[in-house]
Amino acid sequence: MKSTICFETELAGFKIALIQTGKNTFTVVYGLQTFKKMGYQSAAKELGECIMHALNCEGKINEGGR
């Protein structure tokens, strides 16, 4: 299977991407980090954590509550 970029953006100066590399196999890229050979659930979790970390770096998440 040819790799397919499912999602790509840039937040806090870092590239964030979700790439499908096979049937239910994904790679998540966050800046210089690459997480390979991940299943659907692991990739979804990692992608979410990367996006939330970048949003926190941009000051868009209030860690102090309401």
PDB file of N, CA and C in Angstrom:
ATOM      1  N   MET A   1       0.840  -1.189   0.000  1.00  0.00           N
ATOM      2  CA  MET A   1       0.000   0.000   0.000  1.00  0.00           C
ATOM      3  C   MET A   1       0.878   1.243   0.000  1.00  0.00           C
ATOM      4  N   LYS A   2       0.518   2.193  -0.801  1.00  0.00           N
ATOM      5  CA  LYS A   2       1.210   3.468  -0.858  1.00  0.00           C
ATOM      6  C   LYS A   2       0.848   4.293   0.379  1.00  0.00           C
ATOM      7  N   SER A   3       1.827   4.956   0.973  1.00  0.00           N
ATOM      8  CA  SER A   3       1.565   5.815   2.131  1.00  0.00           C
ATOM      9  C   SER A   3       0.674   6.978   1.731  1.00  0.00           C
ATOM     10  N   THR A   4      -0.256   7.335   2.621  1.00  0.00           N
ATOM     11  CA  THR A   4      -1.197   8.415   2.370  1.00  0.00           C
ATOM     12  C   THR A   4      -1.186   9.383   3.546  1.00  0.00           C
ATOM     13  N   ILE A   5      -1.008  10.664   3.265  1.00  0.00           N
ATOM     14  CA  ILE A   5      -1.094  11.674   4.323  1.00  0.00           C
ATOM     15  C   ILE A   5      -2.574  11.906   4.598  1.00  0.00           C
ATOM     16  N   CYS A   6      -3.006  11.550   5.802  1.00  0.00           N
ATOM     17  CA  CYS A   6      -4.410  11.697   6.201  1.00  0.00           C
ATOM     18  C   CYS A   6      -4.683  13.075   6.790  1.00  0.00           C
ATOM     19  N   PHE A   7      -3.668  13.632   7.463  1.00  0.00           N
ATOM     20  CA  PHE A   7      -3.834  14.907   8.154  1.00  0.00           C
ATOM     21  C   PHE A   7      -2.462  15.544   8.256  1.00  0.00           C
ATOM     22  N   GLU A   8      -2.411  16.873   8.051  1.00  0.00           N
ATOM     23  CA  GLU A   8      -1.150  17.590   8.184  1.00  0.00           C
ATOM     24  C   GLU A   8      -1.446  19.038   8.550  1.00  0.00           C
ATOM     25  N   THR A   9      -0.703  19.549   9.534  1.00  0.00           N
ATOM     26  CA  THR A   9      -0.860  20.940   9.953  1.00  0.00           C
ATOM     27  C   THR A   9       0.447  21.394  10.580  1.00  0.00           C
ATOM     28  N   GLU A  10       0.494  22.657  10.943  1.00  0.00           N
ATOM     29  CA  GLU A  10       1.628  23.190  11.677  1.00  0.00           C
ATOM     30  C   GLU A  10       1.091  24.000  12.848  1.00  0.00           C
ATOM     31  N   LEU A  11       1.569  23.666  14.032  1.00  0.00           N
ATOM     32  CA  LEU A  11       1.206  24.380  15.254  1.00  0.00           C
ATOM     33  C   LEU A  11       2.478  24.631  16.048  1.00  0.00           C
ATOM     34  N   ALA A  12       2.580  25.767  16.671  1.00  0.00           N
ATOM     35  CA  ALA A  12       3.728  26.128  17.506  1.00  0.00           C
ATOM     36  C   ALA A  12       5.052  25.955  16.748  1.00  0.00           C
ATOM     37  N   GLY A  13       5.000  26.109  15.434  1.00  0.00           N
ATOM     38  CA  GLY A  13       6.196  25.980  14.625  1.00  0.00           C
ATOM     39  C   GLY A  13       6.603  24.553  14.317  1.00  0.00           C
ATOM     40  N   PHE A  14       5.756  23.585  14.670  1.00  0.00           N
ATOM     41  CA  PHE A  14       6.061  22.175  14.441  1.00  0.00           C
ATOM     42  C   PHE A  14       5.084  21.561  13.449  1.00  0.00           C
ATOM     43  N   LYS A  15       5.606  20.754  12.546  1.00  0.00           N
ATOM     44  CA  LYS A  15       4.762  19.986  11.632  1.00  0.00           C
ATOM     45  C   LYS A  15       4.131  18.841  12.426  1.00  0.00           C
ATOM     46  N   ILE A  16       2.840  18.646  12.226  1.00  0.00           N
ATOM     47  CA  ILE A  16       2.125  17.521  12.808  1.00  0.00           C
ATOM     48  C   ILE A  16       1.435  16.797  11.659  1.00  0.00           C
ATOM     49  N   ALA A  17       1.659  15.491  11.559  1.00  0.00           N
ATOM     50  CA  ALA A  17       1.070  14.743  10.450  1.00  0.00           C
ATOM     51  C   ALA A  17       0.664  13.340  10.889  1.00  0.00           C
ATOM     52  N   LEU A  18      -0.388  12.853  10.259  1.00  0.00           N
ATOM     53  CA  LEU A  18      -0.832  11.469  10.401  1.00  0.00           C
ATOM     54  C   LEU A  18      -0.731  10.846   9.018  1.00  0.00           C
ATOM     55  N   ILE A  19       0.048   9.777   8.914  1.00  0.00           N
ATOM     56  CA  ILE A  19       0.275   9.122   7.634  1.00  0.00           C
ATOM     57  C   ILE A  19      -0.142   7.661   7.755  1.00  0.00           C
ATOM     58  N   GLN A  20      -0.996   7.218   6.840  1.00  0.00           N
ATOM     59  CA  GLN A  20      -1.365   5.805   6.825  1.00  0.00           C
ATOM     60  C   GLN A  20      -0.348   5.078   5.962  1.00  0.00           C
ATOM     61  N   THR A  21       0.303   4.092   6.562  1.00  0.00           N
ATOM     62  CA  THR A  21       1.383   3.376   5.875  1.00  0.00           C
ATOM     63  C   THR A  21       0.992   1.965   5.466  1.00  0.00           C
ATOM     64  N   GLY A  22      -0.155   1.507   5.910  1.00  0.00           N
ATOM     65  CA  GLY A  22      -0.641   0.174   5.585  1.00  0.00           C
ATOM     66  C   GLY A  22      -2.047   0.025   6.112  1.00  0.00           C
ATOM     67  N   LYS A  23      -2.603  -1.167   5.980  1.00  0.00           N
ATOM     68  CA  LYS A  23      -3.949  -1.410   6.503  1.00  0.00           C
ATOM     69  C   LYS A  23      -3.895  -1.321   8.031  1.00  0.00           C
ATOM     70  N   ASN A  24      -4.584  -0.313   8.574  1.00  0.00           N
ATOM     71  CA  ASN A  24      -4.603  -0.060  10.017  1.00  0.00           C
ATOM     72  C   ASN A  24      -3.214   0.140  10.619  1.00  0.00           C
ATOM     73  N   THR A  25      -2.284   0.683   9.838  1.00  0.00           N
ATOM     74  CA  THR A  25      -0.937   1.001  10.316  1.00  0.00           C
ATOM     75  C   THR A  25      -0.648   2.457   9.991  1.00  0.00           C
ATOM     76  N   PHE A  26      -0.179   3.200  11.004  1.00  0.00           N
ATOM     77  CA  PHE A  26      -0.013   4.638  10.861  1.00  0.00           C
ATOM     78  C   PHE A  26       1.329   5.105  11.409  1.00  0.00           C
ATOM     79  N   THR A  27       1.750   6.265  10.913  1.00  0.00           N
ATOM     80  CA  THR A  27       2.905   6.989  11.436  1.00  0.00           C
ATOM     81  C   THR A  27       2.422   8.373  11.839  1.00  0.00           C
ATOM     82  N   VAL A  28       2.870   8.831  13.006  1.00  0.00           N
ATOM     83  CA  VAL A  28       2.581  10.187  13.470  1.00  0.00           C
ATOM     84  C   VAL A  28       3.905  10.945  13.503  1.00  0.00           C
ATOM     85  N   VAL A  29       3.906  12.126  12.903  1.00  0.00           N
ATOM     86  CA  VAL A  29       5.092  12.978  12.889  1.00  0.00           C
ATOM     87  C   VAL A  29       4.775  14.225  13.699  1.00  0.00           C
ATOM     88  N   TYR A  30       5.679  14.555  14.622  1.00  0.00           N
ATOM     89  CA  TYR A  30       5.536  15.778  15.421  1.00  0.00           C
ATOM     90  C   TYR A  30       6.909  16.419  15.518  1.00  0.00           C
ATOM     91  N   GLY A  31       7.111  17.475  14.756  1.00  0.00           N
ATOM     92  CA  GLY A  31       8.426  18.117  14.728  1.00  0.00           C
ATOM     93  C   GLY A  31       9.466  17.131  14.223  1.00  0.00           C
ATOM     94  N   LEU A  32      10.499  16.884  15.030  1.00  0.00           N
ATOM     95  CA  LEU A  32      11.548  15.940  14.650  1.00  0.00           C
ATOM     96  C   LEU A  32      11.249  14.512  15.104  1.00  0.00           C
ATOM     97  N   GLN A  33      10.154  14.314  15.830  1.00  0.00           N
ATOM     98  CA  GLN A  33       9.796  12.984  16.327  1.00  0.00           C
ATOM     99  C   GLN A  33       8.926  12.257  15.306  1.00  0.00           C
ATOM    100  N   THR A  34       9.186  10.965  15.156  1.00  0.00           N
ATOM    101  CA  THR A  34       8.387  10.125  14.269  1.00  0.00           C
ATOM    102  C   THR A  34       8.021   8.853  15.023  1.00  0.00           C
ATOM    103  N   PHE A  35       6.732   8.583  15.110  1.00  0.00           N
ATOM    104  CA  PHE A  35       6.222   7.396  15.794  1.00  0.00           C
ATOM    105  C   PHE A  35       5.674   6.464  14.713  1.00  0.00           C
ATOM    106  N   LYS A  36       6.335   5.331  14.479  1.00  0.00           N
ATOM    107  CA  LYS A  36       6.011   4.453  13.352  1.00  0.00           C
ATOM    108  C   LYS A  36       5.297   3.182  13.789  1.00  0.00           C
ATOM    109  N   LYS A  37       4.695   2.530  12.799  1.00  0.00           N
ATOM    110  CA  LYS A  37       4.061   1.222  12.948  1.00  0.00           C
ATOM    111  C   LYS A  37       3.064   1.185  14.102  1.00  0.00           C
ATOM    112  N   MET A  38       2.208   2.184  14.144  1.00  0.00           N
ATOM    113  CA  MET A  38       1.207   2.284  15.198  1.00  0.00           C
ATOM    114  C   MET A  38      -0.137   1.807  14.673  1.00  0.00           C
ATOM    115  N   GLY A  39      -0.906   1.147  15.536  1.00  0.00           N
ATOM    116  CA  GLY A  39      -2.262   0.775  15.200  1.00  0.00           C
ATOM    117  C   GLY A  39      -3.173   1.993  15.284  1.00  0.00           C
ATOM    118  N   TYR A  40      -4.429   1.797  14.915  1.00  0.00           N
ATOM    119  CA  TYR A  40      -5.414   2.885  14.858  1.00  0.00           C
ATOM    120  C   TYR A  40      -5.517   3.612  16.201  1.00  0.00           C
ATOM    121  N   GLN A  41      -5.738   2.872  17.289  1.00  0.00           N
ATOM    122  CA  GLN A  41      -5.948   3.507  18.596  1.00  0.00           C
ATOM    123  C   GLN A  41      -4.698   4.214  19.098  1.00  0.00           C
ATOM    124  N   SER A  42      -3.537   3.586  18.943  1.00  0.00           N
ATOM    125  CA  SER A  42      -2.289   4.205  19.400  1.00  0.00           C
ATOM    126  C   SER A  42      -1.985   5.475  18.614  1.00  0.00           C
ATOM    127  N   ALA A  43      -2.223   5.426  17.310  1.00  0.00           N
ATOM    128  CA  ALA A  43      -1.974   6.607  16.474  1.00  0.00           C
ATOM    129  C   ALA A  43      -2.930   7.742  16.833  1.00  0.00           C
ATOM    130  N   ALA A  44      -4.190   7.408  17.082  1.00  0.00           N
ATOM    131  CA  ALA A  44      -5.171   8.433  17.453  1.00  0.00           C
ATOM    132  C   ALA A  44      -4.771   9.099  18.771  1.00  0.00           C
ATOM    133  N   LYS A  45      -4.342   8.309  19.731  1.00  0.00           N
ATOM    134  CA  LYS A  45      -3.918   8.837  21.030  1.00  0.00           C
ATOM    135  C   LYS A  45      -2.681   9.726  20.868  1.00  0.00           C
ATOM    136  N   GLU A  46      -1.695   9.251  20.138  1.00  0.00           N
ATOM    137  CA  GLU A  46      -0.458  10.000  19.942  1.00  0.00           C
ATOM    138  C   GLU A  46      -0.720  11.303  19.201  1.00  0.00           C
ATOM    139  N   LEU A  47      -1.526  11.252  18.148  1.00  0.00           N
ATOM    140  CA  LEU A  47      -1.859  12.451  17.379  1.00  0.00           C
ATOM    141  C   LEU A  47      -2.546  13.478  18.280  1.00  0.00           C
ATOM    142  N   GLY A  48      -3.497  13.036  19.070  1.00  0.00           N
ATOM    143  CA  GLY A  48      -4.192  13.940  19.989  1.00  0.00           C
ATOM    144  C   GLY A  48      -3.249  14.571  20.990  1.00  0.00           C
ATOM    145  N   GLU A  49      -2.341  13.778  21.530  1.00  0.00           N
ATOM    146  CA  GLU A  49      -1.374  14.312  22.493  1.00  0.00           C
ATOM    147  C   GLU A  49      -0.446  15.338  21.836  1.00  0.00           C
ATOM    148  N   CYS A  50      -0.033  15.070  20.605  1.00  0.00           N
ATOM    149  CA  CYS A  50       0.833  16.012  19.895  1.00  0.00           C
ATOM    150  C   CYS A  50       0.113  17.333  19.638  1.00  0.00           C
ATOM    151  N   ILE A  51      -1.128  17.249  19.192  1.00  0.00           N
ATOM    152  CA  ILE A  51      -1.909  18.460  18.922  1.00  0.00           C
ATOM    153  C   ILE A  51      -2.124  19.249  20.205  1.00  0.00           C
ATOM    154  N   MET A  52      -2.491  18.569  21.281  1.00  0.00           N
ATOM    155  CA  MET A  52      -2.723  19.276  22.540  1.00  0.00           C
ATOM    156  C   MET A  52      -1.434  19.884  23.088  1.00  0.00           C
ATOM    157  N   HIS A  53      -0.302  19.208  22.945  1.00  0.00           N
ATOM    158  CA  HIS A  53       0.974  19.758  23.400  1.00  0.00           C
ATOM    159  C   HIS A  53       1.304  21.037  22.624  1.00  0.00           C
ATOM    160  N   ALA A  54       1.115  20.985  21.314  1.00  0.00           N
ATOM    161  CA  ALA A  54       1.399  22.167  20.489  1.00  0.00           C
ATOM    162  C   ALA A  54       0.471  23.328  20.855  1.00  0.00           C
ATOM    163  N   LEU A  55      -0.802  23.037  21.083  1.00  0.00           N
ATOM    164  CA  LEU A  55      -1.745  24.083  21.489  1.00  0.00           C
ATOM    165  C   LEU A  55      -1.349  24.676  22.840  1.00  0.00           C
ATOM    166  N   ASN A  56      -0.868  23.837  23.746  1.00  0.00           N
ATOM    167  CA  ASN A  56      -0.403  24.323  25.038  1.00  0.00           C
ATOM    168  C   ASN A  56       0.817  25.227  24.853  1.00  0.00           C
ATOM    169  N   CYS A  57       1.725  24.838  23.957  1.00  0.00           N
ATOM    170  CA  CYS A  57       2.905  25.665  23.672  1.00  0.00           C
ATOM    171  C   CYS A  57       2.514  27.029  23.105  1.00  0.00           C
ATOM    172  N   GLU A  58       1.406  27.073  22.370  1.00  0.00           N
ATOM    173  CA  GLU A  58       0.918  28.338  21.817  1.00  0.00           C
ATOM    174  C   GLU A  58       0.110  29.138  22.831  1.00  0.00           C
ATOM    175  N   GLY A  59      -0.080  28.600  24.036  1.00  0.00           N
ATOM    176  CA  GLY A  59      -0.833  29.296  25.068  1.00  0.00           C
ATOM    177  C   GLY A  59      -2.333  29.248  24.879  1.00  0.00           C
ATOM    178  N   LYS A  60      -2.820  28.289  24.085  1.00  0.00           N
ATOM    179  CA  LYS A  60      -4.256  28.193  23.815  1.00  0.00           C
ATOM    180  C   LYS A  60      -4.996  27.285  24.772  1.00  0.00           C
ATOM    181  N   ILE A  61      -4.266  26.634  25.671  1.00  0.00           N
ATOM    182  CA  ILE A  61      -4.896  25.775  26.678  1.00  0.00           C
ATOM    183  C   ILE A  61      -4.630  26.373  28.034  1.00  0.00           C
ATOM    184  N   ASN A  62      -5.684  26.571  28.800  1.00  0.00           N
ATOM    185  CA  ASN A  62      -5.586  27.133  30.138  1.00  0.00           C
ATOM    186  C   ASN A  62      -5.443  25.974  31.115  1.00  0.00           C
ATOM    187  N   GLU A  63      -4.241  25.778  31.639  1.00  0.00           N
ATOM    188  CA  GLU A  63      -3.997  24.671  32.566  1.00  0.00           C
ATOM    189  C   GLU A  63      -4.494  24.959  33.980  1.00  0.00           C
ATOM    190  N   GLY A  64      -4.877  26.198  34.242  1.00  0.00           N
ATOM    191  CA  GLY A  64      -5.313  26.569  35.581  1.00  0.00           C
ATOM    192  C   GLY A  64      -6.794  26.359  35.825  1.00  0.00           C
ATOM    193  N   GLY A  65      -7.490  25.753  34.891  1.00  0.00           N
ATOM    194  CA  GLY A  65      -8.944  25.571  35.043  1.00  0.00           C
ATOM    195  C   GLY A  65      -9.683  26.787  34.519  1.00  0.00           C
ATOM    196  N   ARG A  66     -10.928  26.926  34.954  1.00  0.00           N
ATOM    197  CA  ARG A  66     -11.775  28.021  34.471  1.00  0.00           C
ATOM    198  C   ARG A  66     -11.414  29.339  35.021  1.00  0.00           C
TER     199      ARG A  66
END
